[in-house]
Protein backbone atom coordinates (compact mmCIF):
# COMPACT_ATOMS: atom_id res chain seq x y z
CA UNK A 1 99.19 226.33 -1.20
CA UNK A 2 99.66 222.81 -2.10
CA UNK A 3 103.18 221.16 -2.34
CA UNK A 4 104.51 219.08 -5.23
CA UNK A 5 107.48 216.97 -4.94
CA UNK A 6 108.33 213.59 -7.19
CA UNK A 7 109.50 210.61 -4.57
CA UNK A 8 111.65 209.42 -7.58
CA UNK A 9 113.76 212.59 -7.61
CA UNK A 10 113.25 213.01 -11.68
CA UNK A 11 112.75 216.18 -10.98
CA UNK A 12 114.29 218.11 -7.91
CA UNK A 13 111.72 220.73 -7.67
CA UNK A 14 109.07 221.80 -5.66
CA UNK A 15 106.29 223.37 -7.21
CA UNK A 16 103.71 225.67 -4.57
CA UNK A 17 100.32 225.23 -6.06
CA UNK A 18 97.19 228.10 -5.52
CA UNK A 19 93.77 226.10 -4.86
CA UNK A 20 92.94 227.25 -8.36
CA UNK A 21 95.96 225.90 -10.30
CA UNK A 22 96.14 222.68 -8.24
CA UNK A 23 91.86 222.24 -9.53
CA UNK A 24 93.26 222.81 -12.91
CA UNK A 25 96.43 220.43 -12.44
CA UNK A 26 94.01 217.57 -10.34
CA UNK A 27 92.29 217.50 -14.16
CA UNK A 28 95.65 216.84 -16.04
CA UNK A 29 94.58 212.48 -15.52
CA UNK A 30 94.44 211.65 -19.32
CA UNK A 31 91.20 211.25 -19.45
CA UNK A 32 90.19 215.53 -19.80
CA UNK A 33 90.63 217.45 -23.03
CA UNK A 34 91.64 221.08 -23.11
CA UNK A 35 87.97 221.74 -23.29
CA UNK A 36 86.79 219.80 -20.24
CA UNK A 37 89.30 221.39 -18.19
CA UNK A 38 87.69 224.85 -19.45
CA UNK A 39 84.19 223.63 -18.83
CA UNK A 40 85.03 222.41 -14.61
CA UNK A 41 86.94 225.40 -14.20
CA UNK A 42 84.08 227.50 -15.41
CA UNK A 43 81.57 225.69 -13.17
CA UNK A 44 84.19 225.64 -10.17
CA UNK A 45 84.83 229.75 -10.10
CA UNK A 46 83.16 231.20 -12.62
CA UNK A 47 85.50 232.70 -14.82
CA UNK A 48 87.10 231.41 -17.93
CA UNK A 49 90.73 229.76 -18.46
CA UNK A 50 92.06 230.99 -21.88
CA UNK A 51 93.38 228.09 -23.84
CA UNK A 52 96.56 229.78 -23.77
CA UNK A 53 97.14 230.25 -20.19
CA UNK A 54 96.28 226.71 -19.93
CA UNK A 55 98.96 225.66 -22.21
CA UNK A 56 101.75 227.52 -20.42
CA UNK A 57 100.91 225.72 -17.78
CA UNK A 58 100.95 222.12 -19.66
CA UNK A 59 104.47 223.73 -21.13
CA UNK A 60 106.13 224.86 -17.47
CA UNK A 61 104.94 221.40 -15.90
CA UNK A 62 106.60 219.96 -18.95
CA UNK A 63 109.63 221.70 -18.72
CA UNK A 64 109.37 221.00 -14.42
CA UNK A 65 109.13 216.93 -15.84
CA UNK A 66 105.72 216.80 -13.30
CA UNK A 67 104.10 215.44 -17.06
CA UNK A 68 104.26 211.64 -18.19
CA UNK A 69 105.54 211.92 -21.53
CA UNK A 70 108.95 211.50 -23.47
CA UNK A 71 110.50 214.42 -22.03
CA UNK A 72 110.12 213.46 -18.48
CA UNK A 73 110.57 209.52 -19.78
CA UNK A 74 114.04 210.72 -21.46
CA UNK A 75 115.26 212.05 -17.66
CA UNK A 76 114.11 209.41 -15.87
CA UNK A 77 116.45 206.76 -18.23
CA UNK A 78 118.65 208.73 -17.84
CA UNK A 79 118.76 208.94 -14.08
CA UNK A 80 118.30 205.07 -13.53
CA UNK A 81 121.06 204.31 -16.28
CA UNK A 82 123.33 206.71 -14.45
CA UNK A 83 122.64 205.07 -11.19
CA UNK A 84 123.26 201.46 -12.78
CA UNK A 85 126.72 202.85 -14.55
CA UNK A 86 128.32 203.71 -10.86
CA UNK A 87 129.68 202.25 -8.50
CA UNK A 88 127.94 204.09 -5.16
CA UNK A 89 124.55 205.27 -3.94
CA UNK A 90 125.36 209.13 -2.88
CA UNK A 91 124.25 210.53 -0.28
CA UNK A 92 120.90 211.59 -2.27
CA UNK A 93 119.90 214.17 1.34
CA UNK A 94 123.06 215.44 2.47
CA UNK A 95 122.77 219.21 2.96
CA UNK A 96 118.64 218.88 2.41
CA UNK A 97 118.15 216.46 5.01
CA UNK A 98 120.35 216.74 7.26
CA UNK A 99 123.96 218.80 7.26
CA UNK A 100 126.22 218.17 4.17
CA UNK A 101 129.62 218.86 6.04
CA UNK A 102 131.09 216.42 8.23
CA UNK A 103 131.78 218.19 11.26
CA UNK A 104 128.05 219.61 11.30
CA UNK A 105 126.73 216.67 10.75
CA UNK A 106 128.74 215.46 13.33
CA UNK A 107 126.97 218.82 15.84
CA UNK A 108 123.75 218.34 14.48
CA UNK A 109 123.43 214.19 15.36
CA UNK A 110 125.66 214.61 18.98
CA UNK A 111 122.56 217.87 19.91
CA UNK A 112 119.98 214.76 19.02
CA UNK A 113 121.70 212.22 21.89
CA UNK A 114 122.21 215.36 24.24
CA UNK A 115 118.96 217.27 23.64
CA UNK A 116 115.63 217.29 26.51
CA UNK A 117 114.44 214.48 24.35
CA UNK A 118 116.77 212.57 23.60
CA UNK A 119 119.20 209.71 25.86
CA UNK A 120 122.43 211.41 26.53
CA UNK A 121 125.55 212.01 24.96
CA UNK A 122 127.04 208.66 24.59
CA UNK A 123 129.71 207.08 26.94
CA UNK A 124 131.82 204.16 26.72
CA UNK A 125 131.00 201.34 25.06
CA UNK A 126 129.54 198.92 27.37
CA UNK A 127 130.85 195.98 25.15
CA UNK A 128 128.06 193.51 25.96
CA UNK A 129 126.54 191.61 23.61
CA UNK A 130 122.89 190.21 23.16
CA UNK A 131 121.26 193.06 20.63
CA UNK A 132 119.76 191.51 17.92
CA UNK A 133 117.88 194.00 16.05
CA UNK A 134 115.75 197.79 16.38
CA UNK A 135 112.98 199.35 14.61
CA UNK A 136 114.07 203.12 14.27
CA UNK A 137 111.84 206.04 12.66
CA UNK A 138 112.67 206.84 8.74
CA UNK A 139 110.84 211.17 9.37
CA UNK A 140 113.06 213.72 8.91
CA UNK A 141 115.77 214.52 11.48
CA UNK A 142 113.84 217.83 12.69
CA UNK A 143 110.66 216.38 13.51
CA UNK A 144 112.49 213.00 14.66
CA UNK A 145 116.01 212.93 15.74
CA UNK A 146 115.35 212.54 19.25
CA UNK A 147 113.83 208.93 18.40
CA UNK A 148 116.80 207.68 16.14
CA UNK A 149 119.13 208.26 19.08
CA UNK A 150 117.38 205.46 21.71
CA UNK A 151 117.26 202.79 19.00
CA UNK A 152 121.47 203.73 17.83
CA UNK A 153 122.45 204.26 21.44
CA UNK A 154 121.72 200.45 21.52
CA UNK A 155 123.58 199.46 18.65
CA UNK A 156 126.63 201.26 20.52
CA UNK A 157 126.25 199.62 23.51
CA UNK A 158 124.92 196.83 23.12
CA UNK A 159 125.35 195.37 19.05
CA UNK A 160 128.69 192.81 18.42
CA UNK A 161 128.44 192.66 14.42
CA UNK A 162 129.70 195.09 12.22
CA UNK A 163 127.76 193.98 9.35
CA UNK A 164 123.79 195.65 9.39
CA UNK A 165 120.80 193.90 7.52
CA UNK A 166 118.58 197.45 6.76
CA UNK A 167 115.14 196.83 5.87
CA UNK A 168 113.90 200.28 4.18
CA UNK A 169 110.41 201.46 2.92
CA UNK A 170 110.16 201.90 -0.18
CA UNK A 171 108.15 205.64 -1.01
CA UNK A 172 108.05 205.04 -4.43
CA UNK A 173 105.81 201.83 -6.38
CA UNK A 174 108.18 198.78 -7.25
CA UNK A 175 106.84 195.53 -9.12
CA UNK A 176 108.66 192.79 -6.43
CA UNK A 177 107.72 193.04 -2.47
CA UNK A 178 111.63 194.06 -2.30
CA UNK A 179 115.03 195.26 -4.03
CA UNK A 180 118.35 194.84 -3.80
CA UNK A 181 121.22 197.12 -4.29
CA UNK A 182 124.87 196.17 -4.82
CA UNK A 183 125.71 199.81 -4.73
CA UNK A 184 127.97 201.32 -1.88
CA UNK A 185 126.33 204.04 0.16
CA UNK A 186 128.25 206.79 0.91
CA UNK A 187 127.82 208.98 3.51
CA UNK A 188 129.36 212.66 4.39
CA UNK A 189 131.06 210.79 7.35
CA UNK A 190 132.17 207.85 5.39
CA UNK A 191 131.13 204.60 2.89
CA UNK A 192 129.32 201.60 4.36
CA UNK A 193 130.60 198.80 2.06
CA UNK A 194 127.58 196.33 0.62
CA UNK A 195 128.13 192.50 1.81
CA UNK A 196 127.58 191.18 -1.58
CA UNK A 197 128.11 187.95 -1.28
CA UNK A 198 125.49 188.12 1.02
CA UNK A 199 123.24 189.70 -1.56
CA UNK A 200 124.48 187.25 -4.26
CA UNK A 201 123.38 184.25 -1.94
CA UNK A 202 120.02 185.97 -1.20
CA UNK A 203 119.50 186.52 -4.46
CA UNK A 204 120.22 182.99 -5.95
CA UNK A 205 117.93 181.51 -3.66
CA UNK A 206 115.15 183.37 -5.23
CA UNK A 207 113.87 183.25 -8.35
CA UNK A 208 112.82 187.17 -9.01
CA UNK A 209 114.81 189.58 -10.16
CA UNK A 210 115.55 190.93 -7.20
CA UNK A 211 117.40 193.77 -9.04
CA UNK A 212 114.76 194.91 -11.03
CA UNK A 213 113.81 197.79 -9.01
CA UNK A 214 117.81 198.35 -7.86
CA UNK A 215 116.61 201.87 -9.58
CA UNK A 216 114.17 202.70 -6.33
CA UNK A 217 117.34 202.62 -3.91
CA UNK A 218 118.59 206.27 -5.67
CA UNK A 219 115.98 208.45 -4.43
CA UNK A 220 115.02 206.07 -1.05
CA UNK A 221 115.62 208.50 2.30
CA UNK A 222 114.47 205.56 4.87
CA UNK A 223 118.28 203.14 4.12
CA UNK A 224 120.39 206.58 3.38
CA UNK A 225 119.04 207.77 7.12
CA UNK A 226 120.30 204.55 9.24
CA UNK A 227 123.96 204.60 7.05
CA UNK A 228 124.07 208.18 8.55
CA UNK A 229 123.78 207.40 12.17
CA UNK A 230 126.37 203.69 11.76
CA UNK A 231 128.83 205.95 10.37
CA UNK A 232 128.29 208.17 13.33
CA UNK A 233 128.56 205.45 15.67
CA UNK A 234 131.40 203.54 13.97
CA UNK A 235 133.48 206.19 11.87
CA UNK A 236 136.05 205.43 9.55
CA UNK A 237 138.13 203.20 9.28
CA UNK A 238 136.08 201.03 10.96
CA UNK A 239 134.88 198.42 8.47
CA UNK A 240 130.74 198.24 8.46
CA UNK A 241 129.23 196.77 5.81
CA UNK A 242 125.06 196.31 5.18
CA UNK A 243 122.77 194.64 3.26
CA UNK A 244 120.62 197.64 1.74
CA UNK A 245 116.75 195.45 1.52
CA UNK A 246 113.78 197.95 0.23
CA UNK A 247 110.57 196.29 1.15
CA UNK A 248 107.51 196.81 -1.13
CA UNK A 249 103.64 197.17 -0.21
CA UNK A 250 102.36 194.08 1.51
CA UNK A 251 98.25 195.99 0.55
CA UNK A 252 98.12 192.51 -1.28
CA UNK A 253 97.74 190.29 1.47
CA UNK A 254 96.01 192.91 3.40
CA UNK A 255 92.95 193.00 0.72
CA UNK A 256 92.42 189.30 1.05
CA UNK A 257 92.64 188.96 4.46
CA UNK A 258 96.20 186.54 4.80
CA UNK A 259 99.48 186.52 6.07
CA UNK A 260 101.81 187.71 4.13
CA UNK A 261 104.11 184.30 3.96
CA UNK A 262 100.99 182.70 2.07
CA UNK A 263 102.15 185.48 -0.54
CA UNK A 264 104.86 183.50 -2.64
CA UNK A 265 107.29 186.37 -3.50
CA UNK A 266 107.66 187.75 -0.05
CA UNK A 267 107.73 184.19 1.31
CA UNK A 268 110.72 182.84 -0.49
CA UNK A 269 112.12 186.45 -0.01
CA UNK A 270 112.25 185.27 3.88
CA UNK A 271 113.21 182.00 3.44
CA UNK A 272 116.03 182.88 1.36
CA UNK A 273 117.29 185.39 3.52
CA UNK A 274 116.92 183.32 6.12
CA UNK A 275 119.31 180.66 4.52
CA UNK A 276 121.50 182.78 3.12
CA UNK A 277 122.36 184.44 6.66
CA UNK A 278 122.71 180.64 7.70
CA UNK A 279 125.05 179.57 5.18
CA UNK A 280 127.92 182.09 5.53
CA UNK A 281 127.78 182.44 8.57
CA UNK A 282 127.15 185.54 9.46
CA UNK A 283 126.74 187.69 12.49
CA UNK A 284 124.33 190.64 11.87
CA UNK A 285 122.33 192.88 13.15
CA UNK A 286 118.70 194.00 12.49
CA UNK A 287 117.59 197.20 10.94
CA UNK A 288 113.92 198.20 10.50
CA UNK A 289 113.46 201.55 8.94
CA UNK A 290 110.17 202.48 9.78
CA UNK A 291 107.74 205.04 10.80
CA UNK A 292 104.10 204.20 12.46
CA UNK A 293 100.28 206.14 11.53
CA UNK A 294 99.91 208.57 8.59
CA UNK A 295 96.81 210.60 9.57
CA UNK A 296 95.08 213.79 9.24
CA UNK A 297 94.07 216.23 6.50
CA UNK A 298 97.53 216.03 5.19
CA UNK A 299 97.11 212.39 4.84
CA UNK A 300 93.63 212.64 2.75
CA UNK A 301 91.60 212.13 6.26
CA UNK A 302 88.38 214.58 6.09
CA UNK A 303 88.59 215.19 9.50
CA UNK A 304 92.28 216.70 11.68
CA UNK A 305 93.71 214.48 14.13
CA UNK A 306 92.15 216.31 17.45
CA UNK A 307 94.34 216.64 21.38
CA UNK A 308 92.42 213.64 22.47
CA UNK A 309 93.21 212.02 18.91
CA UNK A 310 96.31 211.86 19.40
CA UNK A 311 96.34 210.23 22.61
CA UNK A 312 94.14 207.54 21.57
CA UNK A 313 96.64 206.96 18.41
CA UNK A 314 99.12 206.81 21.01
CA UNK A 315 97.49 203.57 22.50
CA UNK A 316 96.65 202.35 19.95
CA UNK A 317 100.21 202.40 18.42
CA UNK A 318 101.48 200.94 21.63
CA UNK A 319 99.03 198.25 21.55
CA UNK A 320 99.96 197.62 17.96
CA UNK A 321 103.94 197.37 19.14
CA UNK A 322 103.01 194.62 22.11
CA UNK A 323 103.02 192.12 19.43
CA UNK A 324 106.31 193.39 17.58
CA UNK A 325 108.14 193.00 21.29
CA UNK A 326 106.35 189.85 21.90
CA UNK A 327 108.51 188.44 18.06
CA UNK A 328 104.43 188.12 16.94
CA UNK A 329 104.62 189.27 13.23
CA UNK A 330 101.73 187.40 12.92
CA UNK A 331 99.94 188.98 15.17
CA UNK A 332 101.95 192.64 14.52
CA UNK A 333 100.19 192.00 10.86
CA UNK A 334 96.79 191.08 11.58
CA UNK A 335 96.28 194.27 14.39
CA UNK A 336 96.80 196.07 11.13
CA UNK A 337 94.82 194.51 8.93
CA UNK A 338 91.69 193.77 10.64
CA UNK A 339 91.25 197.60 10.69
CA UNK A 340 91.93 198.28 7.19
CA UNK A 341 94.98 199.85 7.87
CA UNK A 342 93.29 203.28 8.73
CA UNK A 343 96.53 204.27 10.33
CA UNK A 344 98.45 204.25 7.07
CA UNK A 345 101.31 201.99 8.93
CA UNK A 346 103.42 203.03 6.59
CA UNK A 347 106.64 200.63 8.57
CA UNK A 348 104.51 197.65 8.03
CA UNK A 349 106.58 195.55 5.45
CA UNK A 350 110.27 196.14 6.84
CA UNK A 351 108.90 195.65 10.63
CA UNK A 352 106.94 192.27 9.98
CA UNK A 353 109.98 191.09 7.45
CA UNK A 354 112.23 191.30 10.86
CA UNK A 355 110.54 190.10 12.33
CA UNK A 356 109.55 186.65 10.61
CA UNK A 357 114.08 186.88 9.98
CA UNK A 358 115.33 187.78 13.14
CA UNK A 359 115.80 185.10 15.78
CA UNK A 360 115.26 187.33 19.14
CA UNK A 361 113.39 186.46 22.73
CA UNK A 362 111.81 189.49 22.97
CA UNK A 363 111.43 193.27 22.50
CA UNK A 364 111.57 196.47 24.00
CA UNK A 365 110.30 199.69 23.58
CA UNK A 366 112.60 203.05 24.09
CA UNK A 367 111.00 205.79 22.68
CA UNK A 368 107.57 206.52 21.43
CA UNK A 369 107.09 209.91 19.21
CA UNK A 370 104.65 211.83 17.46
CA UNK A 371 105.08 214.54 14.42
CA UNK A 372 102.56 217.04 14.81
CA UNK A 373 101.43 219.62 11.98
CA UNK A 374 99.03 222.09 13.51
CA UNK A 375 98.57 224.10 10.49
CA UNK A 376 96.69 220.86 8.77
CA UNK A 377 96.24 218.95 12.17
CA UNK A 378 98.02 215.44 10.74
CA UNK A 379 100.30 213.54 12.23
CA UNK A 380 103.30 211.09 12.02
CA UNK A 381 103.95 208.63 14.11
CA UNK A 382 107.34 206.86 15.16
CA UNK A 383 109.32 204.88 18.04
CA UNK A 384 112.78 203.05 18.52
CA UNK A 385 112.77 199.38 19.58
CA UNK A 386 115.10 196.92 20.55
CA UNK A 387 115.30 193.07 20.45
CA UNK A 388 117.48 190.26 22.34
């Protein structure tokens, strides 16, 4: 079976398709008529696909909001308008990707710290300073929760700021390279307020409308997951502020073989962020919410990942992270660009932007992990790093 889900969360359903049904749906591309689909089905499976059956599939997909059209556009507008009117960004994945009950969520997160793969339970705060930022995964907690804990334990021990600039990864297309929101983030463990003055200072320094794609924040998990951990570390009523920044694709720079800084919208945003933080005198801690490689049949590769391939991938990932550890943003980006992003590193924009903005001397790899799925011979890799 193949599962279809909507990354924009306009449809909250998950559809499971058999191979023949998936073949039919793959032809719903705006170029095939009903007769075309019937002919292709006959050639592929040797049977006749009745028009009534095909129309039933169309109707069901349309009702489930999986087809472009009036029904989908109305639902999308309603979602976006509701989000724009709201004062808060709700905890979209509470009760789905992690426990929605506060006590159960605390126990879940504590388990990742205390588990065999974790760094151990949180002790007394050391009170030392020096942490400038972290890279933490944004993979689902079930597969990568242990890895988050290494980065967030470093926040617990070495961070002195209560303002966090979080670079998330947009998994849905956005028009600009970056998107902001002024909405406070709700979690089951409490709310994180947006630093409105800092957000406004960033927007005032760039000509692009950084709120044009604000709706993408509604269903994006990469910032939400970091907020959950932050509220676990700093329970209410401890005041925390965040600057939620979703990063889009940097593939134009890769395709042209240039630095992202040569693209005006990226360069202007990075400069605006630096100037805004400096002008307001903010002490901030940066978080890049970023996964690494996505390889195997699940991600479109012709072949699955073998045990040997996992070892090679680990070596390649850690060679790439050496550039990050040395605060070499250009080297980090170039190492991925020159191989055509063969490993599909989805955290490129978040990590690169943090390296360009953050004033740190060096980084340290805290933990590296791989989530391998035997059924599809596919893997997602991730890591936690700290910068001082």
